[in-house]
Amino acid sequence: MEIKYVITTVKELYQEPLEYLLDSMIIHGINPKNIFLSSQDTNSLYTNISKVYFKRYNISLYSANIPKQLYEYSFFIACQEFLNAGIFKINDYFFLIHDTSIIKNNHKSKILNIVSNNTCHDIIYGNCTGQHNIGLFNYKAINLGYNIYKKHKYLNKKLAIDIEHNNANANFSIKRHNDKINIFYPNIPWSEKRNVKVYKQNIMRVVSALDYFDIEKYYVHVDQNNPHPHNIF
């Protein structure tokens, strides 16, 4: 059993945030062989697996390129593709993390402790709401999520946010299937700071703290009726 980190990203648009995340992962002891990409690639006609070389670290990472706009929910399709290819094993754990995140000093020890003490949960989220959908999933949860999200080619931002906040119906939300899987939400409230300068450009972002995993997520508030501003991370 290994923990496979699957970074949800958009092809060629998030290079700087992705490098910040990779820096934090490598510095804090995550083995690059356990890091993978779920890359939203709407210019492609079909799902495929390729390798992406990062000269900065002299590593190549497997990328599942998904020709759909599903935001982070492409994670489930990517994991199933890696399973089908024999790259993942069904007894592995699968960790969903956004490219606009970083892991911090205590992440590795925390996640190993969580895994070693988990006896019954199929999904473990980072706080009491499943904030940003960042979490740890077993094969049972991946299989269920794949069967939900493979049906969809496009999610608008409002629906993507509704899924995160558990306001979407079971046709779109794995969180609505707690009759089929055991989901754990730690008793840790939503925690964030606004107007924090991040990245080299010192752009203003909201910083969400997922202390249960010792992870920070950087994001911008987006009106649910407007497109996501991919070009500004």
Protein backbone atom coordinates (compact mmCIF):
# COMPACT_ATOMS: atom_id res chain seq x y z
CA MET A 1 0.00 0.00 0.00
CA GLU A 2 1.19 3.50 -0.92
CA ILE A 3 -0.31 6.97 -0.87
CA LYS A 4 -0.61 8.29 -4.42
CA TYR A 5 -0.86 12.08 -4.64
CA VAL A 6 -2.95 13.17 -7.63
CA ILE A 7 -2.64 16.89 -8.38
CA THR A 8 -5.63 18.32 -10.23
CA THR A 9 -4.52 20.94 -12.74
CA VAL A 10 -5.27 22.50 -16.12
CA LYS A 11 -2.81 21.75 -18.90
CA GLU A 12 -0.19 24.48 -19.42
CA LEU A 13 -1.99 27.12 -17.32
CA TYR A 14 -0.79 26.56 -13.77
CA GLN A 15 2.95 26.10 -14.06
CA GLU A 16 4.00 28.49 -11.29
CA PRO A 17 1.52 27.24 -8.64
CA LEU A 18 2.31 23.67 -9.61
CA GLU A 19 6.02 24.27 -9.05
CA TYR A 20 5.31 25.80 -5.63
CA LEU A 21 3.34 22.70 -4.70
CA LEU A 22 6.00 20.33 -6.04
CA ASP A 23 8.68 22.27 -4.14
CA SER A 24 6.75 21.80 -0.92
CA MET A 25 6.14 18.11 -1.57
CA ILE A 26 9.74 17.29 -2.38
CA ILE A 27 11.14 19.41 0.47
CA HIS A 28 8.84 17.68 2.96
CA GLY A 29 9.69 14.16 1.90
CA ILE A 30 7.03 13.04 -0.59
CA ASN A 31 8.63 10.58 -3.00
CA PRO A 32 8.26 11.88 -6.60
CA LYS A 33 7.31 8.37 -7.74
CA ASN A 34 4.07 8.84 -5.77
CA ILE A 35 3.14 12.17 -7.39
CA PHE A 36 0.80 12.26 -10.40
CA LEU A 37 -1.20 14.78 -12.41
CA SER A 38 -4.86 14.85 -13.36
CA SER A 39 -4.70 17.37 -16.17
CA GLN A 40 -7.86 18.91 -17.58
CA ASP A 41 -7.19 19.12 -21.33
CA THR A 42 -10.28 20.18 -23.26
CA ASN A 43 -8.27 20.41 -26.51
CA SER A 44 -7.78 16.65 -26.52
CA LEU A 45 -10.30 14.26 -28.07
CA TYR A 46 -9.70 11.36 -25.70
CA THR A 47 -8.26 10.51 -22.31
CA ASN A 48 -4.62 9.51 -22.44
CA ILE A 49 -1.66 9.05 -20.12
CA SER A 50 1.64 10.79 -20.83
CA LYS A 51 4.76 11.76 -18.92
CA VAL A 52 5.60 15.38 -18.11
CA TYR A 53 9.22 16.30 -17.47
CA PHE A 54 10.09 18.92 -14.86
CA LYS A 55 13.62 20.13 -15.49
CA ARG A 56 13.68 21.98 -12.16
CA TYR A 57 13.64 18.65 -10.29
CA ASN A 58 14.87 16.31 -13.04
CA ILE A 59 11.75 14.18 -12.66
CA SER A 60 9.02 12.95 -14.98
CA LEU A 61 5.47 12.60 -13.64
CA TYR A 62 2.65 10.56 -15.10
CA SER A 63 -0.24 12.76 -16.25
CA ALA A 64 -3.74 11.52 -17.04
CA ASN A 65 -5.02 14.04 -19.59
CA ILE A 66 -8.80 14.35 -19.31
CA PRO A 67 -10.74 15.96 -22.23
CA LYS A 68 -13.49 17.30 -19.97
CA GLN A 69 -14.17 20.36 -17.83
CA LEU A 70 -14.77 18.75 -14.47
CA TYR A 71 -12.49 20.84 -12.24
CA GLU A 72 -11.04 18.67 -9.46
CA TYR A 73 -13.62 15.93 -10.08
CA SER A 74 -11.46 14.72 -12.98
CA PHE A 75 -9.41 13.19 -10.14
CA PHE A 76 -11.66 10.12 -10.11
CA ILE A 77 -11.28 9.52 -13.84
CA ALA A 78 -7.51 10.00 -13.62
CA CYS A 79 -7.22 7.51 -10.76
CA GLN A 80 -9.24 4.92 -12.67
CA GLU A 81 -7.06 5.42 -15.76
CA PHE A 82 -3.93 4.88 -13.66
CA LEU A 83 -5.52 1.78 -12.12
CA ASN A 84 -6.43 0.42 -15.55
CA ALA A 85 -2.85 1.00 -16.71
CA GLY A 86 -1.42 -0.89 -13.74
CA ILE A 87 0.29 2.26 -12.41
CA PHE A 88 -1.90 2.30 -9.27
CA LYS A 89 -2.97 -0.69 -7.18
CA ILE A 90 -6.40 -1.18 -5.63
CA ASN A 91 -4.91 -1.36 -2.13
CA ASP A 92 -3.32 2.09 -2.49
CA TYR A 93 -4.71 5.30 -1.01
CA PHE A 94 -5.32 8.22 -3.37
CA PHE A 95 -4.92 11.83 -2.24
CA LEU A 96 -6.71 14.63 -4.10
CA ILE A 97 -4.83 17.92 -3.96
CA HIS A 98 -5.14 21.09 -6.05
CA ASP A 99 -2.17 22.59 -7.88
CA THR A 100 -2.92 25.84 -6.02
CA SER A 101 -2.01 24.24 -2.70
CA ILE A 102 1.14 23.58 -0.73
CA ILE A 103 1.92 20.97 1.89
CA LYS A 104 3.63 22.04 5.09
CA ASN A 105 6.18 20.63 7.49
CA ASN A 106 3.94 18.23 9.42
CA HIS A 107 1.93 16.91 6.50
CA LYS A 108 3.80 13.66 5.95
CA SER A 109 3.71 12.56 9.58
CA LYS A 110 0.03 13.52 9.85
CA ILE A 111 -1.06 11.67 6.73
CA LEU A 112 0.89 8.54 7.66
CA ASN A 113 -0.72 8.59 11.09
CA ILE A 114 -4.19 9.02 9.57
CA VAL A 115 -3.66 6.07 7.24
CA SER A 116 -2.21 3.82 9.93
CA ASN A 117 -5.23 4.44 12.18
CA ASN A 118 -7.92 4.21 9.52
CA THR A 119 -9.96 1.03 9.81
CA CYS A 120 -13.30 1.84 8.20
CA HIS A 121 -13.39 5.11 6.25
CA ASP A 122 -13.49 5.22 2.44
CA ILE A 123 -13.01 9.00 2.27
CA ILE A 124 -11.24 11.22 4.79
CA TYR A 125 -11.60 14.96 4.27
CA GLY A 126 -9.53 17.76 5.76
CA ASN A 127 -12.20 19.50 7.83
CA CYS A 128 -15.85 19.35 8.88
CA THR A 129 -17.19 20.28 5.41
CA GLY A 130 -14.80 18.55 3.03
CA GLN A 131 -13.34 21.95 2.11
CA HIS A 132 -12.10 22.13 -1.52
CA ASN A 133 -12.76 18.37 -1.77
CA ILE A 134 -9.16 17.82 -0.67
CA GLY A 135 -8.97 14.39 0.87
CA LEU A 136 -7.82 10.81 1.06
CA PHE A 137 -9.74 8.15 -0.88
CA ASN A 138 -9.58 4.37 -1.06
CA TYR A 139 -10.37 2.23 -4.09
CA LYS A 140 -14.03 1.82 -3.16
CA ALA A 141 -14.49 5.60 -3.19
CA ILE A 142 -12.53 5.98 -6.44
CA ASN A 143 -14.70 3.37 -8.15
CA LEU A 144 -17.88 5.11 -7.00
CA GLY A 145 -16.59 8.54 -8.00
CA TYR A 146 -15.52 7.27 -11.41
CA ASN A 147 -18.99 5.90 -12.09
CA ILE A 148 -20.50 9.27 -11.16
CA TYR A 149 -18.17 11.59 -13.07
CA LYS A 150 -17.49 9.52 -16.19
CA LYS A 151 -21.04 10.39 -17.27
CA HIS A 152 -20.29 14.11 -17.43
CA LYS A 153 -18.26 16.13 -19.90
CA TYR A 154 -18.84 19.63 -18.55
CA LEU A 155 -19.57 21.15 -15.15
CA ASN A 156 -20.13 24.87 -14.78
CA LYS A 157 -18.55 26.70 -11.86
CA LYS A 158 -21.79 27.02 -9.93
CA LEU A 159 -22.37 23.29 -10.03
CA ALA A 160 -18.73 22.57 -9.13
CA ILE A 161 -19.10 24.78 -6.04
CA ASP A 162 -22.46 23.23 -5.16
CA ILE A 163 -20.84 19.79 -5.25
CA GLU A 164 -18.08 20.97 -2.92
CA HIS A 165 -20.62 22.40 -0.47
CA ASN A 166 -22.77 19.27 -0.67
CA ASN A 167 -25.68 21.11 -2.32
CA ALA A 168 -25.77 19.04 -5.52
CA ASN A 169 -27.77 15.88 -5.99
CA ALA A 170 -26.34 12.35 -6.01
CA ASN A 171 -25.96 12.33 -9.81
CA PHE A 172 -23.12 14.82 -9.36
CA SER A 173 -21.83 14.48 -5.81
CA ILE A 174 -19.95 11.62 -4.19
CA LYS A 175 -20.69 13.28 -0.85
CA ARG A 176 -24.36 12.38 -1.33
CA HIS A 177 -23.57 8.65 -1.35
CA ASN A 178 -22.88 8.13 2.34
CA ASP A 179 -25.24 5.15 2.17
CA LYS A 180 -22.63 3.39 0.01
CA ILE A 181 -19.35 4.66 1.45
CA ASN A 182 -18.09 5.69 4.87
CA ILE A 183 -17.04 9.36 4.85
CA PHE A 184 -15.09 10.96 7.69
CA TYR A 185 -15.22 14.71 8.36
CA PRO A 186 -12.88 15.73 11.21
CA ASN A 187 -14.32 18.18 13.70
CA ILE A 188 -12.24 21.07 12.39
CA PRO A 189 -14.04 24.22 11.17
CA TRP A 190 -13.51 26.13 7.94
CA SER A 191 -10.46 28.37 8.43
CA GLU A 192 -9.14 31.01 6.06
CA LYS A 193 -7.38 34.36 5.76
CA ARG A 194 -8.19 36.86 3.04
CA ASN A 195 -5.97 39.23 1.08
CA VAL A 196 -2.74 37.31 1.54
CA LYS A 197 0.04 37.90 -1.01
CA VAL A 198 1.24 34.65 -2.59
CA TYR A 199 3.55 33.49 -5.40
CA LYS A 200 6.24 35.57 -7.04
CA GLN A 201 3.79 38.17 -8.28
CA ASN A 202 2.48 38.75 -4.75
CA ILE A 203 -1.09 38.31 -5.96
CA MET A 204 -3.89 38.53 -3.41
CA ARG A 205 -5.52 35.24 -2.50
CA VAL A 206 -7.63 33.65 0.18
CA VAL A 207 -5.52 31.14 2.12
CA SER A 208 -7.50 28.15 3.39
CA ALA A 209 -5.91 26.15 6.16
CA LEU A 210 -6.55 22.41 6.27
CA ASP A 211 -4.76 21.76 9.53
CA TYR A 212 -5.84 18.12 9.73
CA PHE A 213 -3.57 17.47 6.71
CA ASP A 214 -1.21 20.44 7.30
CA ILE A 215 -2.04 21.85 3.86
CA GLU A 216 -2.73 25.36 2.61
CA LYS A 217 -4.93 26.05 -0.42
CA TYR A 218 -4.80 29.39 -2.28
CA TYR A 219 -7.87 30.55 -4.15
CA VAL A 220 -9.83 33.51 -5.41
CA HIS A 221 -13.51 34.01 -4.72
CA VAL A 222 -15.43 33.58 -7.96
CA ASP A 223 -19.04 34.51 -8.55
CA GLN A 224 -20.84 31.26 -9.24
CA ASN A 225 -22.23 32.60 -12.53
CA ASN A 226 -18.82 33.64 -13.92
CA PRO A 227 -16.11 31.48 -15.47
CA HIS A 228 -13.07 30.54 -13.43
CA PRO A 229 -10.19 33.00 -14.06
CA HIS A 230 -7.69 30.33 -15.11
CA ASN A 231 -5.19 32.89 -16.37
CA ILE A 232 -4.63 34.32 -12.88
CA PHE A 233 -4.32 30.98 -11.07
